[in-house]
Amino acid sequence: MKAHLPTHGRRKYHYSSYLAEFLYRYTHKDGDIFSEFVKDVAKLYDPSNSTEEVC
């Protein structure tokens, strides 16, 4: 599943997140995973649509 499953503290309720991470890493295995993740986050959370004020 995950690149490295934790040896301690594995819980069944975390398995879905392990699978999600594996699938994301697998689909983006040919590129820089972090930059692809940031691009995907930017697609979901467009800062131009934000209603919060930045101080």
PDB file of N, CA and C in Angstrom:
ATOM      1  N   MET A   1       0.828  -1.187   0.000  1.00  0.00           N
ATOM      2  CA  MET A   1       0.000   0.000   0.000  1.00  0.00           C
ATOM      3  C   MET A   1       0.872   1.250   0.000  1.00  0.00           C
ATOM      4  N   LYS A   2       1.164   1.746   1.167  1.00  0.00           N
ATOM      5  CA  LYS A   2       1.967   2.951   1.300  1.00  0.00           C
ATOM      6  C   LYS A   2       3.422   2.589   1.031  1.00  0.00           C
ATOM      7  N   ALA A   3       4.217   3.568   0.657  1.00  0.00           N
ATOM      8  CA  ALA A   3       5.621   3.310   0.407  1.00  0.00           C
ATOM      9  C   ALA A   3       6.264   2.652   1.624  1.00  0.00           C
ATOM     10  N   HIS A   4       5.957   3.171   2.789  1.00  0.00           N
ATOM     11  CA  HIS A   4       6.459   2.588   4.031  1.00  0.00           C
ATOM     12  C   HIS A   4       5.354   2.646   5.070  1.00  0.00           C
ATOM     13  N   LEU A   5       4.737   1.505   5.328  1.00  0.00           N
ATOM     14  CA  LEU A   5       3.721   1.470   6.378  1.00  0.00           C
ATOM     15  C   LEU A   5       4.420   1.592   7.724  1.00  0.00           C
ATOM     16  N   PRO A   6       3.855   2.336   8.636  1.00  0.00           N
ATOM     17  CA  PRO A   6       4.469   2.442   9.948  1.00  0.00           C
ATOM     18  C   PRO A   6       4.526   1.073  10.618  1.00  0.00           C
ATOM     19  N   THR A   7       5.626   0.785  11.300  1.00  0.00           N
ATOM     20  CA  THR A   7       5.748  -0.517  11.956  1.00  0.00           C
ATOM     21  C   THR A   7       4.964  -0.553  13.256  1.00  0.00           C
ATOM     22  N   HIS A   8       4.703   0.600  13.836  1.00  0.00           N
ATOM     23  CA  HIS A   8       3.941   0.675  15.072  1.00  0.00           C
ATOM     24  C   HIS A   8       2.737   1.587  14.859  1.00  0.00           C
ATOM     25  N   GLY A   9       1.658   1.277  15.508  1.00  0.00           N
ATOM     26  CA  GLY A   9       0.509   2.168  15.481  1.00  0.00           C
ATOM     27  C   GLY A   9      -0.364   2.072  14.245  1.00  0.00           C
ATOM     28  N   ARG A  10      -0.275   0.976  13.487  1.00  0.00           N
ATOM     29  CA  ARG A  10      -1.169   0.823  12.338  1.00  0.00           C
ATOM     30  C   ARG A  10      -2.580   0.553  12.838  1.00  0.00           C
ATOM     31  N   ARG A  11      -3.517   1.298  12.331  1.00  0.00           N
ATOM     32  CA  ARG A  11      -4.909   1.128  12.709  1.00  0.00           C
ATOM     33  C   ARG A  11      -5.735   0.919  11.451  1.00  0.00           C
ATOM     34  N   LYS A  12      -6.754   0.112  11.562  1.00  0.00           N
ATOM     35  CA  LYS A  12      -7.594  -0.160  10.393  1.00  0.00           C
ATOM     36  C   LYS A  12      -8.243   1.097   9.865  1.00  0.00           C
ATOM     37  N   TYR A  13      -8.572   2.048  10.736  1.00  0.00           N
ATOM     38  CA  TYR A  13      -9.218   3.268  10.256  1.00  0.00           C
ATOM     39  C   TYR A  13      -8.252   4.161   9.487  1.00  0.00           C
ATOM     40  N   HIS A  14      -6.961   3.865   9.486  1.00  0.00           N
ATOM     41  CA  HIS A  14      -5.997   4.616   8.679  1.00  0.00           C
ATOM     42  C   HIS A  14      -5.773   3.972   7.302  1.00  0.00           C
ATOM     43  N   TYR A  15      -6.250   2.760   7.104  1.00  0.00           N
ATOM     44  CA  TYR A  15      -5.992   2.048   5.852  1.00  0.00           C
ATOM     45  C   TYR A  15      -6.488   2.814   4.634  1.00  0.00           C
ATOM     46  N   SER A  16      -7.612   3.497   4.743  1.00  0.00           N
ATOM     47  CA  SER A  16      -8.120   4.245   3.588  1.00  0.00           C
ATOM     48  C   SER A  16      -7.168   5.377   3.215  1.00  0.00           C
ATOM     49  N   SER A  17      -6.549   6.023   4.204  1.00  0.00           N
ATOM     50  CA  SER A  17      -5.596   7.093   3.884  1.00  0.00           C
ATOM     51  C   SER A  17      -4.308   6.514   3.317  1.00  0.00           C
ATOM     52  N   TYR A  18      -3.890   5.324   3.806  1.00  0.00           N
ATOM     53  CA  TYR A  18      -2.708   4.669   3.222  1.00  0.00           C
ATOM     54  C   TYR A  18      -2.959   4.339   1.754  1.00  0.00           C
ATOM     55  N   LEU A  19      -4.146   3.825   1.464  1.00  0.00           N
ATOM     56  CA  LEU A  19      -4.497   3.489   0.082  1.00  0.00           C
ATOM     57  C   LEU A  19      -4.569   4.740  -0.780  1.00  0.00           C
ATOM     58  N   ALA A  20      -5.161   5.810  -0.259  1.00  0.00           N
ATOM     59  CA  ALA A  20      -5.256   7.063  -1.016  1.00  0.00           C
ATOM     60  C   ALA A  20      -3.869   7.610  -1.323  1.00  0.00           C
ATOM     61  N   GLU A  21      -2.972   7.567  -0.344  1.00  0.00           N
ATOM     62  CA  GLU A  21      -1.610   8.054  -0.580  1.00  0.00           C
ATOM     63  C   GLU A  21      -0.897   7.195  -1.614  1.00  0.00           C
ATOM     64  N   PHE A  22      -1.054   5.881  -1.521  1.00  0.00           N
ATOM     65  CA  PHE A  22      -0.436   4.986  -2.494  1.00  0.00           C
ATOM     66  C   PHE A  22      -0.922   5.295  -3.907  1.00  0.00           C
ATOM     67  N   LEU A  23      -2.242   5.443  -4.051  1.00  0.00           N
ATOM     68  CA  LEU A  23      -2.804   5.712  -5.378  1.00  0.00           C
ATOM     69  C   LEU A  23      -2.321   7.048  -5.925  1.00  0.00           C
ATOM     70  N   TYR A  24      -2.231   8.057  -5.066  1.00  0.00           N
ATOM     71  CA  TYR A  24      -1.758   9.364  -5.510  1.00  0.00           C
ATOM     72  C   TYR A  24      -0.296   9.276  -5.953  1.00  0.00           C
ATOM     73  N   ARG A  25       0.522   8.641  -5.128  1.00  0.00           N
ATOM     74  CA  ARG A  25       1.938   8.496  -5.478  1.00  0.00           C
ATOM     75  C   ARG A  25       2.113   7.673  -6.748  1.00  0.00           C
ATOM     76  N   TYR A  26       1.297   6.641  -6.909  1.00  0.00           N
ATOM     77  CA  TYR A  26       1.400   5.783  -8.082  1.00  0.00           C
ATOM     78  C   TYR A  26       1.034   6.533  -9.352  1.00  0.00           C
ATOM     79  N   THR A  27       0.001   7.360  -9.293  1.00  0.00           N
ATOM     80  CA  THR A  27      -0.415   8.091 -10.490  1.00  0.00           C
ATOM     81  C   THR A  27       0.542   9.229 -10.831  1.00  0.00           C
ATOM     82  N   HIS A  28       1.351   9.673  -9.874  1.00  0.00           N
ATOM     83  CA  HIS A  28       2.301  10.757 -10.105  1.00  0.00           C
ATOM     84  C   HIS A  28       3.746  10.291  -9.964  1.00  0.00           C
ATOM     85  N   LYS A  29       3.998   9.002 -10.231  1.00  0.00           N
ATOM     86  CA  LYS A  29       5.314   8.431  -9.976  1.00  0.00           C
ATOM     87  C   LYS A  29       6.403   8.951 -10.915  1.00  0.00           C
ATOM     88  N   ASP A  30       6.040   9.498 -12.052  1.00  0.00           N
ATOM     89  CA  ASP A  30       7.038   9.939 -13.013  1.00  0.00           C
ATOM     90  C   ASP A  30       7.495  11.378 -12.815  1.00  0.00           C
ATOM     91  N   GLY A  31       6.884  12.096 -11.895  1.00  0.00           N
ATOM     92  CA  GLY A  31       7.234  13.501 -11.700  1.00  0.00           C
ATOM     93  C   GLY A  31       7.576  13.795 -10.254  1.00  0.00           C
ATOM     94  N   ASP A  32       7.701  15.056  -9.970  1.00  0.00           N
ATOM     95  CA  ASP A  32       7.953  15.514  -8.610  1.00  0.00           C
ATOM     96  C   ASP A  32       6.628  15.494  -7.857  1.00  0.00           C
ATOM     97  N   ILE A  33       6.492  14.586  -6.919  1.00  0.00           N
ATOM     98  CA  ILE A  33       5.217  14.375  -6.241  1.00  0.00           C
ATOM     99  C   ILE A  33       4.787  15.614  -5.469  1.00  0.00           C
ATOM    100  N   PHE A  34       5.720  16.284  -4.807  1.00  0.00           N
ATOM    101  CA  PHE A  34       5.357  17.454  -4.012  1.00  0.00           C
ATOM    102  C   PHE A  34       4.814  18.574  -4.886  1.00  0.00           C
ATOM    103  N   SER A  35       5.481  18.865  -5.998  1.00  0.00           N
ATOM    104  CA  SER A  35       4.994  19.951  -6.858  1.00  0.00           C
ATOM    105  C   SER A  35       3.648  19.592  -7.480  1.00  0.00           C
ATOM    106  N   GLU A  36       3.440  18.335  -7.810  1.00  0.00           N
ATOM    107  CA  GLU A  36       2.146  17.903  -8.336  1.00  0.00           C
ATOM    108  C   GLU A  36       1.063  18.038  -7.272  1.00  0.00           C
ATOM    109  N   PHE A  37       1.412  17.712  -6.027  1.00  0.00           N
ATOM    110  CA  PHE A  37       0.458  17.852  -4.931  1.00  0.00           C
ATOM    111  C   PHE A  37       0.070  19.314  -4.739  1.00  0.00           C
ATOM    112  N   VAL A  38       1.049  20.213  -4.781  1.00  0.00           N
ATOM    113  CA  VAL A  38       0.770  21.641  -4.612  1.00  0.00           C
ATOM    114  C   VAL A  38      -0.121  22.143  -5.749  1.00  0.00           C
ATOM    115  N   LYS A  39       0.127  21.687  -6.966  1.00  0.00           N
ATOM    116  CA  LYS A  39      -0.716  22.077  -8.097  1.00  0.00           C
ATOM    117  C   LYS A  39      -2.152  21.596  -7.901  1.00  0.00           C
ATOM    118  N   ASP A  40      -2.311  20.373  -7.410  1.00  0.00           N
ATOM    119  CA  ASP A  40      -3.655  19.840  -7.187  1.00  0.00           C
ATOM    120  C   ASP A  40      -4.374  20.575  -6.061  1.00  0.00           C
ATOM    121  N   VAL A  41      -3.649  20.946  -5.025  1.00  0.00           N
ATOM    122  CA  VAL A  41      -4.246  21.728  -3.936  1.00  0.00           C
ATOM    123  C   VAL A  41      -4.687  23.092  -4.465  1.00  0.00           C
ATOM    124  N   ALA A  42      -3.863  23.700  -5.311  1.00  0.00           N
ATOM    125  CA  ALA A  42      -4.210  25.004  -5.880  1.00  0.00           C
ATOM    126  C   ALA A  42      -5.465  24.917  -6.738  1.00  0.00           C
ATOM    127  N   LYS A  43      -5.687  23.787  -7.399  1.00  0.00           N
ATOM    128  CA  LYS A  43      -6.905  23.613  -8.183  1.00  0.00           C
ATOM    129  C   LYS A  43      -8.139  23.581  -7.285  1.00  0.00           C
ATOM    130  N   LEU A  44      -7.993  22.945  -6.133  1.00  0.00           N
ATOM    131  CA  LEU A  44      -9.121  22.820  -5.218  1.00  0.00           C
ATOM    132  C   LEU A  44      -9.384  24.093  -4.425  1.00  0.00           C
ATOM    133  N   TYR A  45      -8.322  24.767  -4.022  1.00  0.00           N
ATOM    134  CA  TYR A  45      -8.442  25.947  -3.160  1.00  0.00           C
ATOM    135  C   TYR A  45      -7.875  27.157  -3.874  1.00  0.00           C
ATOM    136  N   ASP A  46      -8.661  27.733  -4.740  1.00  0.00           N
ATOM    137  CA  ASP A  46      -8.248  28.898  -5.505  1.00  0.00           C
ATOM    138  C   ASP A  46      -8.206  30.119  -4.583  1.00  0.00           C
ATOM    139  N   PRO A  47      -7.028  30.714  -4.356  1.00  0.00           N
ATOM    140  CA  PRO A  47      -6.932  31.844  -3.424  1.00  0.00           C
ATOM    141  C   PRO A  47      -7.686  33.081  -3.897  1.00  0.00           C
ATOM    142  N   SER A  48      -7.970  33.218  -5.167  1.00  0.00           N
ATOM    143  CA  SER A  48      -8.710  34.385  -5.646  1.00  0.00           C
ATOM    144  C   SER A  48     -10.173  34.349  -5.213  1.00  0.00           C
ATOM    145  N   ASN A  49     -10.649  33.178  -4.797  1.00  0.00           N
ATOM    146  CA  ASN A  49     -12.030  33.041  -4.338  1.00  0.00           C
ATOM    147  C   ASN A  49     -12.138  33.085  -2.819  1.00  0.00           C
ATOM    148  N   SER A  50     -11.047  33.380  -2.152  1.00  0.00           N
ATOM    149  CA  SER A  50     -11.034  33.381  -0.695  1.00  0.00           C
ATOM    150  C   SER A  50     -11.807  34.575  -0.138  1.00  0.00           C
ATOM    151  N   THR A  51     -12.534  34.343   0.961  1.00  0.00           N
ATOM    152  CA  THR A  51     -13.275  35.426   1.602  1.00  0.00           C
ATOM    153  C   THR A  51     -12.564  35.928   2.851  1.00  0.00           C
ATOM    154  N   GLU A  52     -11.465  35.265   3.251  1.00  0.00           N
ATOM    155  CA  GLU A  52     -10.727  35.676   4.423  1.00  0.00           C
ATOM    156  C   GLU A  52      -9.802  36.844   4.106  1.00  0.00           C
ATOM    157  N   GLU A  53      -9.630  37.713   5.087  1.00  0.00           N
ATOM    158  CA  GLU A  53      -8.684  38.815   4.932  1.00  0.00           C
ATOM    159  C   GLU A  53      -7.315  38.351   5.412  1.00  0.00           C
ATOM    160  N   VAL A  54      -6.303  38.733   4.687  1.00  0.00           N
ATOM    161  CA  VAL A  54      -4.935  38.412   5.078  1.00  0.00           C
ATOM    162  C   VAL A  54      -4.325  39.656   5.657  1.00  0.00           C
ATOM    163  N   CYS A  55      -3.789  39.543   6.861  1.00  0.00           N
ATOM    164  CA  CYS A  55      -3.195  40.706   7.548  1.00  0.00           C
ATOM    165  C   CYS A  55      -1.764  40.924   7.123  1.00  0.00           C
TER     166      CYS A  55
END
